[in-house]
Amino acid sequence: IRSHHLKHFVCFFKWETSGLILTTYNLQFSEIQAIDSCEQPLVTGNCAYKYNSYYYNSFTGKCLPFIYTGCDGNNNRFSTLEQCQQVCVPSKNALFLYSFVKRGSM
């Protein structure tokens, strides 16, 4: 899939004192891939190295520490807690959803 064949949207719904506010952002394909990475399972790898890392647990909605062994694994692996939270943890007062819309269908 090439990014120019799709439009990507992220919608944030926030309840403000003035009412419900909907904000839509266009995203590049790499940003959509980052969001999808957060849904991947924990994979520690198959080597003997030990790297302190973090992954997003989609069941608890939290970033948790784990030891990455240095090879294999997947994209649900972050060097810092802050990096994991920035990419994967939705804002407390925002409902997050995204969709892929084929070009020309809107």
N, C-alpha and C. Protein backbone atom coordinates (compact mmCIF):
# COMPACT_ATOMS: atom_id res chain seq x y z
N ILE A 1 0.86 -1.18 0.00
CA ILE A 1 0.00 0.00 0.00
C ILE A 1 0.89 1.23 0.00
N ARG A 2 0.66 2.10 -0.91
CA ARG A 2 1.39 3.37 -0.95
C ARG A 2 0.52 4.46 -0.37
N SER A 3 1.14 5.39 0.33
CA SER A 3 0.37 6.41 1.05
C SER A 3 -0.42 7.31 0.11
N HIS A 4 0.02 7.49 -1.14
CA HIS A 4 -0.71 8.39 -2.01
C HIS A 4 -2.01 7.80 -2.52
N HIS A 5 -2.28 6.52 -2.24
CA HIS A 5 -3.54 5.91 -2.62
C HIS A 5 -4.62 6.08 -1.54
N LEU A 6 -4.24 6.57 -0.39
CA LEU A 6 -5.16 6.66 0.74
C LEU A 6 -5.13 8.04 1.36
N LYS A 7 -6.25 8.39 1.96
CA LYS A 7 -6.28 9.55 2.84
C LYS A 7 -6.36 9.01 4.25
N HIS A 8 -5.64 9.60 5.16
CA HIS A 8 -5.60 9.12 6.54
C HIS A 8 -6.14 10.22 7.45
N PHE A 9 -6.98 9.84 8.36
CA PHE A 9 -7.57 10.83 9.25
C PHE A 9 -7.47 10.37 10.70
N VAL A 10 -7.20 11.29 11.57
CA VAL A 10 -7.30 11.06 13.00
C VAL A 10 -8.29 12.08 13.52
N CYS A 11 -9.26 11.61 14.26
CA CYS A 11 -10.29 12.51 14.79
C CYS A 11 -10.19 12.53 16.31
N PHE A 12 -10.24 13.70 16.87
CA PHE A 12 -10.26 13.86 18.31
C PHE A 12 -11.57 14.54 18.69
N PHE A 13 -12.30 13.92 19.59
CA PHE A 13 -13.53 14.50 20.10
C PHE A 13 -13.25 14.97 21.51
N LYS A 14 -13.45 16.25 21.79
CA LYS A 14 -13.22 16.78 23.13
C LYS A 14 -14.46 17.53 23.59
N TRP A 15 -14.79 17.35 24.82
CA TRP A 15 -15.91 18.10 25.39
C TRP A 15 -15.35 19.34 26.07
N GLU A 16 -15.65 20.48 25.51
CA GLU A 16 -15.23 21.76 26.06
C GLU A 16 -16.46 22.44 26.66
N THR A 17 -16.25 23.53 27.36
CA THR A 17 -17.39 24.25 27.95
C THR A 17 -18.33 24.77 26.87
N SER A 18 -17.81 24.98 25.67
CA SER A 18 -18.66 25.47 24.59
C SER A 18 -19.35 24.34 23.83
N GLY A 19 -19.08 23.09 24.19
CA GLY A 19 -19.72 21.96 23.52
C GLY A 19 -18.70 20.99 22.96
N LEU A 20 -19.19 20.10 22.13
CA LEU A 20 -18.35 19.07 21.54
C LEU A 20 -17.55 19.66 20.38
N ILE A 21 -16.24 19.43 20.40
CA ILE A 21 -15.36 19.95 19.36
C ILE A 21 -14.74 18.76 18.63
N LEU A 22 -14.84 18.76 17.32
CA LEU A 22 -14.24 17.71 16.50
C LEU A 22 -13.09 18.32 15.72
N THR A 23 -11.91 17.73 15.86
CA THR A 23 -10.75 18.17 15.10
C THR A 23 -10.25 16.99 14.28
N THR A 24 -10.02 17.21 13.00
CA THR A 24 -9.53 16.16 12.11
C THR A 24 -8.15 16.55 11.59
N TYR A 25 -7.23 15.61 11.64
CA TYR A 25 -5.87 15.83 11.18
C TYR A 25 -5.54 14.86 10.06
N ASN A 26 -4.90 15.33 9.01
CA ASN A 26 -4.36 14.45 7.98
C ASN A 26 -3.05 13.88 8.50
N LEU A 27 -2.81 12.60 8.29
CA LEU A 27 -1.58 11.97 8.75
C LEU A 27 -0.82 11.37 7.58
N GLN A 28 0.48 11.29 7.71
CA GLN A 28 1.29 10.56 6.75
C GLN A 28 1.21 9.08 7.09
N PHE A 29 1.52 8.22 6.13
CA PHE A 29 1.42 6.78 6.32
C PHE A 29 2.28 6.30 7.48
N SER A 30 3.46 6.89 7.67
CA SER A 30 4.35 6.46 8.75
C SER A 30 3.71 6.69 10.11
N GLU A 31 2.90 7.74 10.25
CA GLU A 31 2.22 7.99 11.52
C GLU A 31 1.14 6.96 11.77
N ILE A 32 0.44 6.54 10.72
CA ILE A 32 -0.56 5.48 10.85
C ILE A 32 0.13 4.18 11.26
N GLN A 33 1.29 3.89 10.68
CA GLN A 33 2.03 2.69 11.06
C GLN A 33 2.42 2.74 12.54
N ALA A 34 2.78 3.91 13.05
CA ALA A 34 3.14 4.05 14.46
C ALA A 34 1.96 3.71 15.35
N ILE A 35 0.77 4.17 14.97
CA ILE A 35 -0.43 3.87 15.74
C ILE A 35 -0.69 2.37 15.73
N ASP A 36 -0.55 1.73 14.56
CA ASP A 36 -0.75 0.29 14.47
C ASP A 36 0.28 -0.48 15.29
N SER A 37 1.48 0.05 15.44
CA SER A 37 2.53 -0.61 16.23
C SER A 37 2.10 -0.79 17.67
N CYS A 38 1.31 0.11 18.18
CA CYS A 38 0.86 0.06 19.57
C CYS A 38 -0.06 -1.12 19.83
N GLU A 39 -0.65 -1.69 18.79
CA GLU A 39 -1.55 -2.83 18.95
C GLU A 39 -0.82 -4.16 18.84
N GLN A 40 0.46 -4.14 18.51
CA GLN A 40 1.22 -5.38 18.37
C GLN A 40 1.50 -5.98 19.75
N PRO A 41 1.63 -7.31 19.82
CA PRO A 41 1.89 -7.96 21.11
C PRO A 41 3.32 -7.72 21.59
N LEU A 42 3.56 -7.95 22.86
CA LEU A 42 4.90 -7.88 23.42
C LEU A 42 5.74 -9.02 22.85
N VAL A 43 6.91 -8.68 22.31
CA VAL A 43 7.87 -9.68 21.84
C VAL A 43 9.24 -9.28 22.39
N THR A 44 9.80 -10.12 23.24
CA THR A 44 11.07 -9.79 23.89
C THR A 44 12.28 -10.05 23.01
N GLY A 45 12.15 -10.89 21.99
CA GLY A 45 13.27 -11.22 21.10
C GLY A 45 13.93 -12.52 21.48
N ASN A 46 14.98 -12.89 20.71
CA ASN A 46 15.61 -14.20 20.88
C ASN A 46 17.12 -14.16 21.10
N CYS A 47 17.66 -13.03 21.48
CA CYS A 47 19.11 -12.93 21.69
C CYS A 47 19.43 -12.81 23.18
N ALA A 48 20.71 -12.65 23.48
CA ALA A 48 21.16 -12.65 24.88
C ALA A 48 21.41 -11.26 25.45
N TYR A 49 21.20 -10.22 24.65
CA TYR A 49 21.42 -8.86 25.15
C TYR A 49 20.27 -8.44 26.06
N LYS A 50 20.48 -7.38 26.83
CA LYS A 50 19.43 -6.89 27.72
C LYS A 50 19.32 -5.38 27.59
N TYR A 51 18.23 -4.95 26.95
CA TYR A 51 17.96 -3.52 26.78
C TYR A 51 16.66 -3.17 27.51
N ASN A 52 16.75 -2.22 28.44
CA ASN A 52 15.53 -1.75 29.09
C ASN A 52 14.68 -1.03 28.05
N SER A 53 13.46 -1.49 27.89
CA SER A 53 12.55 -0.96 26.88
C SER A 53 11.15 -0.86 27.44
N TYR A 54 10.25 -0.27 26.64
CA TYR A 54 8.84 -0.14 27.02
C TYR A 54 7.97 -0.58 25.86
N TYR A 55 6.81 -1.12 26.19
CA TYR A 55 5.82 -1.49 25.18
C TYR A 55 4.46 -1.01 25.65
N TYR A 56 3.54 -0.86 24.69
CA TYR A 56 2.18 -0.44 25.03
C TYR A 56 1.31 -1.68 25.18
N ASN A 57 0.69 -1.81 26.35
CA ASN A 57 -0.24 -2.90 26.62
C ASN A 57 -1.64 -2.40 26.29
N SER A 58 -2.20 -2.88 25.18
CA SER A 58 -3.50 -2.38 24.73
C SER A 58 -4.65 -2.82 25.64
N PHE A 59 -4.45 -3.84 26.47
CA PHE A 59 -5.49 -4.26 27.41
C PHE A 59 -5.59 -3.31 28.60
N THR A 60 -4.44 -2.87 29.11
CA THR A 60 -4.45 -1.97 30.27
C THR A 60 -4.43 -0.50 29.85
N GLY A 61 -4.04 -0.23 28.60
CA GLY A 61 -3.94 1.15 28.13
C GLY A 61 -2.73 1.87 28.70
N LYS A 62 -1.70 1.09 29.09
CA LYS A 62 -0.51 1.69 29.71
C LYS A 62 0.76 1.21 29.02
N CYS A 63 1.80 2.01 29.13
CA CYS A 63 3.13 1.63 28.68
C CYS A 63 3.84 0.95 29.84
N LEU A 64 4.39 -0.22 29.59
CA LEU A 64 5.01 -1.02 30.64
C LEU A 64 6.45 -1.37 30.27
N PRO A 65 7.32 -1.54 31.29
CA PRO A 65 8.71 -1.90 31.01
C PRO A 65 8.85 -3.38 30.66
N PHE A 66 9.89 -3.68 29.87
CA PHE A 66 10.28 -5.06 29.60
C PHE A 66 11.74 -5.06 29.16
N ILE A 67 12.34 -6.24 29.13
CA ILE A 67 13.72 -6.39 28.69
C ILE A 67 13.70 -6.92 27.26
N TYR A 68 14.27 -6.14 26.34
CA TYR A 68 14.40 -6.55 24.94
C TYR A 68 15.77 -7.19 24.76
N THR A 69 15.82 -8.34 24.09
CA THR A 69 17.06 -9.10 23.97
C THR A 69 17.92 -8.71 22.77
N GLY A 70 17.46 -7.79 21.94
CA GLY A 70 18.33 -7.25 20.89
C GLY A 70 18.09 -7.73 19.48
N CYS A 71 17.28 -8.74 19.26
CA CYS A 71 16.97 -9.16 17.89
C CYS A 71 15.55 -9.68 17.82
N ASP A 72 15.06 -9.72 16.59
CA ASP A 72 13.66 -10.04 16.31
C ASP A 72 12.78 -8.98 16.97
N GLY A 73 11.67 -9.34 17.55
CA GLY A 73 10.79 -8.34 18.13
C GLY A 73 9.88 -7.71 17.09
N ASN A 74 9.23 -6.62 17.47
CA ASN A 74 8.35 -5.90 16.55
C ASN A 74 8.43 -4.40 16.84
N ASN A 75 7.51 -3.64 16.28
CA ASN A 75 7.55 -2.18 16.41
C ASN A 75 6.93 -1.65 17.69
N ASN A 76 6.36 -2.52 18.52
CA ASN A 76 5.81 -2.08 19.80
C ASN A 76 6.93 -2.14 20.84
N ARG A 77 7.96 -1.32 20.61
CA ARG A 77 9.14 -1.29 21.48
C ARG A 77 9.67 0.14 21.46
N PHE A 78 9.83 0.71 22.64
CA PHE A 78 10.25 2.10 22.76
C PHE A 78 11.40 2.19 23.75
N SER A 79 12.30 3.13 23.50
CA SER A 79 13.48 3.30 24.36
C SER A 79 13.14 3.93 25.70
N THR A 80 12.12 4.79 25.71
CA THR A 80 11.75 5.48 26.96
C THR A 80 10.25 5.39 27.20
N LEU A 81 9.87 5.55 28.45
CA LEU A 81 8.46 5.58 28.81
C LEU A 81 7.77 6.75 28.12
N GLU A 82 8.44 7.89 28.07
CA GLU A 82 7.87 9.09 27.46
C GLU A 82 7.58 8.88 25.98
N GLN A 83 8.49 8.22 25.28
CA GLN A 83 8.30 7.95 23.86
C GLN A 83 7.09 7.04 23.65
N CYS A 84 6.96 6.01 24.45
CA CYS A 84 5.82 5.09 24.36
C CYS A 84 4.51 5.83 24.61
N GLN A 85 4.49 6.64 25.65
CA GLN A 85 3.27 7.38 25.98
C GLN A 85 2.90 8.38 24.91
N GLN A 86 3.89 9.04 24.34
CA GLN A 86 3.63 10.04 23.31
C GLN A 86 3.00 9.40 22.07
N VAL A 87 3.46 8.21 21.71
CA VAL A 87 2.97 7.55 20.50
C VAL A 87 1.66 6.80 20.75
N CYS A 88 1.55 6.13 21.89
CA CYS A 88 0.47 5.16 22.07
C CYS A 88 -0.65 5.54 23.03
N VAL A 89 -0.40 6.34 24.04
CA VAL A 89 -1.42 6.61 25.06
C VAL A 89 -2.30 7.77 24.60
N PRO A 90 -3.60 7.52 24.38
CA PRO A 90 -4.48 8.61 23.97
C PRO A 90 -4.69 9.61 25.10
N SER A 91 -5.00 10.83 24.73
CA SER A 91 -5.28 11.88 25.71
C SER A 91 -6.43 11.46 26.60
N LYS A 92 -6.38 11.84 27.87
CA LYS A 92 -7.41 11.44 28.82
C LYS A 92 -8.79 11.97 28.45
N ASN A 93 -8.86 13.15 27.83
CA ASN A 93 -10.16 13.72 27.50
C ASN A 93 -10.43 13.69 26.00
N ALA A 94 -9.85 12.68 25.33
CA ALA A 94 -10.09 12.57 23.89
C ALA A 94 -10.46 11.13 23.55
N LEU A 95 -11.42 10.98 22.68
CA LEU A 95 -11.77 9.68 22.14
C LEU A 95 -11.03 9.56 20.82
N PHE A 96 -10.22 8.55 20.69
CA PHE A 96 -9.35 8.44 19.53
C PHE A 96 -9.90 7.39 18.56
N LEU A 97 -10.01 7.78 17.31
CA LEU A 97 -10.34 6.80 16.30
C LEU A 97 -9.72 7.23 14.99
N TYR A 98 -9.45 6.29 14.16
CA TYR A 98 -8.88 6.63 12.87
C TYR A 98 -9.44 5.69 11.82
N SER A 99 -9.42 6.12 10.59
CA SER A 99 -9.93 5.29 9.52
C SER A 99 -9.15 5.56 8.25
N PHE A 100 -9.19 4.60 7.38
CA PHE A 100 -8.59 4.76 6.06
C PHE A 100 -9.74 5.01 5.09
N VAL A 101 -9.63 6.06 4.34
CA VAL A 101 -10.68 6.41 3.40
C VAL A 101 -10.06 6.42 2.01
N LYS A 102 -10.62 5.64 1.09
CA LYS A 102 -10.08 5.60 -0.26
C LYS A 102 -10.22 6.95 -0.92
N ARG A 103 -9.24 7.30 -1.69
CA ARG A 103 -9.24 8.59 -2.40
C ARG A 103 -10.47 8.67 -3.29
N GLY A 104 -11.12 9.81 -3.24
CA GLY A 104 -12.27 10.06 -4.09
C GLY A 104 -13.60 9.63 -3.50
N SER A 105 -13.59 8.97 -2.35
CA SER A 105 -14.86 8.51 -1.78
C SER A 105 -15.51 9.57 -0.91
N MET A 106 -14.81 10.68 -0.67
CA MET A 106 -15.39 11.75 0.14
C MET A 106 -15.69 12.95 -0.72
